[in-house]
């Protein structure tokens, strides 16, 4: 990864910080990161990333996997 990658990830995570003190939802972070990484790299493998992030698994029902691949 390059400095550009770290900046991109940090900017994305910054969207989820606030004054409320609420626990951040990992799924929202995974989807947000997938969105910006895919926009940055057309060859980005969204499904592979979401599996690695624990958002979906190989056992996740097809309709949920398909939805996760289409979320913008």
C-alpha atoms as a PDB file:
ATOM      1  CA  UNK A   1       0.000   0.000   0.000  1.00  0.00           C
ATOM      2  CA  UNK A   2       1.083   3.535  -0.632  1.00  0.00           C
ATOM      3  CA  UNK A   3       0.623   6.777   1.252  1.00  0.00           C
ATOM      4  CA  UNK A   4      -2.294   7.476  -1.046  1.00  0.00           C
ATOM      5  CA  UNK A   5      -3.975   4.287   0.201  1.00  0.00           C
ATOM      6  CA  UNK A   6      -3.526   5.217   3.831  1.00  0.00           C
ATOM      7  CA  UNK A   7      -4.915   8.706   3.227  1.00  0.00           C
ATOM      8  CA  UNK A   8      -7.906   7.232   1.406  1.00  0.00           C
ATOM      9  CA  UNK A   9      -8.643   4.837   4.253  1.00  0.00           C
ATOM     10  CA  UNK A  10      -8.181   7.526   6.891  1.00  0.00           C
ATOM     11  CA  UNK A  11     -10.534   9.903   5.084  1.00  0.00           C
ATOM     12  CA  UNK A  12     -13.142   7.185   4.849  1.00  0.00           C
ATOM     13  CA  UNK A  13     -12.848   6.294   8.530  1.00  0.00           C
ATOM     14  CA  UNK A  14     -13.146   9.961   9.407  1.00  0.00           C
ATOM     15  CA  UNK A  15     -16.707   9.882   8.110  1.00  0.00           C
ATOM     16  CA  UNK A  16     -17.614   7.644  11.048  1.00  0.00           C
ATOM     17  CA  UNK A  17     -16.259   9.741  13.884  1.00  0.00           C
ATOM     18  CA  UNK A  18     -18.556  11.965  15.818  1.00  0.00           C
ATOM     19  CA  UNK A  19     -19.338  13.495  19.140  1.00  0.00           C
ATOM     20  CA  UNK A  20     -22.053  11.002  20.048  1.00  0.00           C
ATOM     21  CA  UNK A  21     -19.629   8.350  21.262  1.00  0.00           C
ATOM     22  CA  UNK A  22     -21.662   5.638  19.530  1.00  0.00           C
ATOM     23  CA  UNK A  23     -19.955   2.410  18.567  1.00  0.00           C
ATOM     24  CA  UNK A  24     -19.161   2.444  14.870  1.00  0.00           C
ATOM     25  CA  UNK A  25     -20.791  -0.211  12.720  1.00  0.00           C
ATOM     26  CA  UNK A  26     -18.071  -2.289  11.037  1.00  0.00           C
ATOM     27  CA  UNK A  27     -20.385  -3.128   8.167  1.00  0.00           C
ATOM     28  CA  UNK A  28     -20.852   0.544   7.310  1.00  0.00           C
ATOM     29  CA  UNK A  29     -17.099   1.039   7.352  1.00  0.00           C
ATOM     30  CA  UNK A  30     -16.518  -2.014   5.136  1.00  0.00           C
ATOM     31  CA  UNK A  31     -19.066  -0.802   2.568  1.00  0.00           C
ATOM     32  CA  UNK A  32     -17.701   2.750   2.609  1.00  0.00           C
ATOM     33  CA  UNK A  33     -14.127   1.547   2.139  1.00  0.00           C
ATOM     34  CA  UNK A  34     -15.180  -0.800  -0.646  1.00  0.00           C
ATOM     35  CA  UNK A  35     -16.862   2.124  -2.390  1.00  0.00           C
ATOM     36  CA  UNK A  36     -13.828   4.432  -2.335  1.00  0.00           C
ATOM     37  CA  UNK A  37     -11.331   1.673  -3.129  1.00  0.00           C
ATOM     38  CA  UNK A  38     -13.408   0.553  -6.099  1.00  0.00           C
ATOM     39  CA  UNK A  39     -13.673   4.143  -7.350  1.00  0.00           C
ATOM     40  CA  UNK A  40      -9.885   4.424  -7.060  1.00  0.00           C
ATOM     41  CA  UNK A  41      -9.112   1.138  -8.807  1.00  0.00           C
ATOM     42  CA  UNK A  42     -11.384  -0.353 -11.485  1.00  0.00           C
ATOM     43  CA  UNK A  43      -9.735  -3.754 -10.896  1.00  0.00           C
ATOM     44  CA  UNK A  44     -10.602  -3.689  -7.182  1.00  0.00           C
ATOM     45  CA  UNK A  45     -12.252  -6.958  -6.136  1.00  0.00           C
ATOM     46  CA  UNK A  46     -15.144  -5.765  -3.981  1.00  0.00           C
ATOM     47  CA  UNK A  47     -16.326  -9.265  -3.046  1.00  0.00           C
ATOM     48  CA  UNK A  48     -12.864 -10.376  -1.978  1.00  0.00           C
ATOM     49  CA  UNK A  49     -12.467  -7.226   0.122  1.00  0.00           C
ATOM     50  CA  UNK A  50     -15.861  -7.616   1.811  1.00  0.00           C
ATOM     51  CA  UNK A  51     -15.085 -11.239   2.623  1.00  0.00           C
ATOM     52  CA  UNK A  52     -11.709 -10.221   4.087  1.00  0.00           C
ATOM     53  CA  UNK A  53     -13.427  -7.478   6.095  1.00  0.00           C
ATOM     54  CA  UNK A  54     -15.886  -9.989   7.537  1.00  0.00           C
ATOM     55  CA  UNK A  55     -18.886  -8.274   5.977  1.00  0.00           C
ATOM     56  CA  UNK A  56     -19.869 -11.329   3.957  1.00  0.00           C
ATOM     57  CA  UNK A  57     -18.725 -14.946   4.041  1.00  0.00           C
ATOM     58  CA  UNK A  58     -18.717 -17.764   1.549  1.00  0.00           C
ATOM     59  CA  UNK A  59     -21.894 -18.946   3.313  1.00  0.00           C
ATOM     60  CA  UNK A  60     -23.746 -15.627   2.972  1.00  0.00           C
ATOM     61  CA  UNK A  61     -26.997 -16.125   1.009  1.00  0.00           C
ATOM     62  CA  UNK A  62     -26.745 -15.154  -2.661  1.00  0.00           C
ATOM     63  CA  UNK A  63     -29.317 -12.360  -2.441  1.00  0.00           C
ATOM     64  CA  UNK A  64     -27.338 -10.627   0.316  1.00  0.00           C
ATOM     65  CA  UNK A  65     -24.032 -11.114  -1.521  1.00  0.00           C
ATOM     66  CA  UNK A  66     -25.567  -9.648  -4.680  1.00  0.00           C
ATOM     67  CA  UNK A  67     -26.905  -6.665  -2.737  1.00  0.00           C
ATOM     68  CA  UNK A  68     -23.484  -6.051  -1.161  1.00  0.00           C
ATOM     69  CA  UNK A  69     -21.873  -6.063  -4.598  1.00  0.00           C
ATOM     70  CA  UNK A  70     -24.328  -3.438  -5.874  1.00  0.00           C
ATOM     71  CA  UNK A  71     -24.400  -1.024  -2.921  1.00  0.00           C
ATOM     72  CA  UNK A  72     -23.054   2.349  -3.964  1.00  0.00           C
END
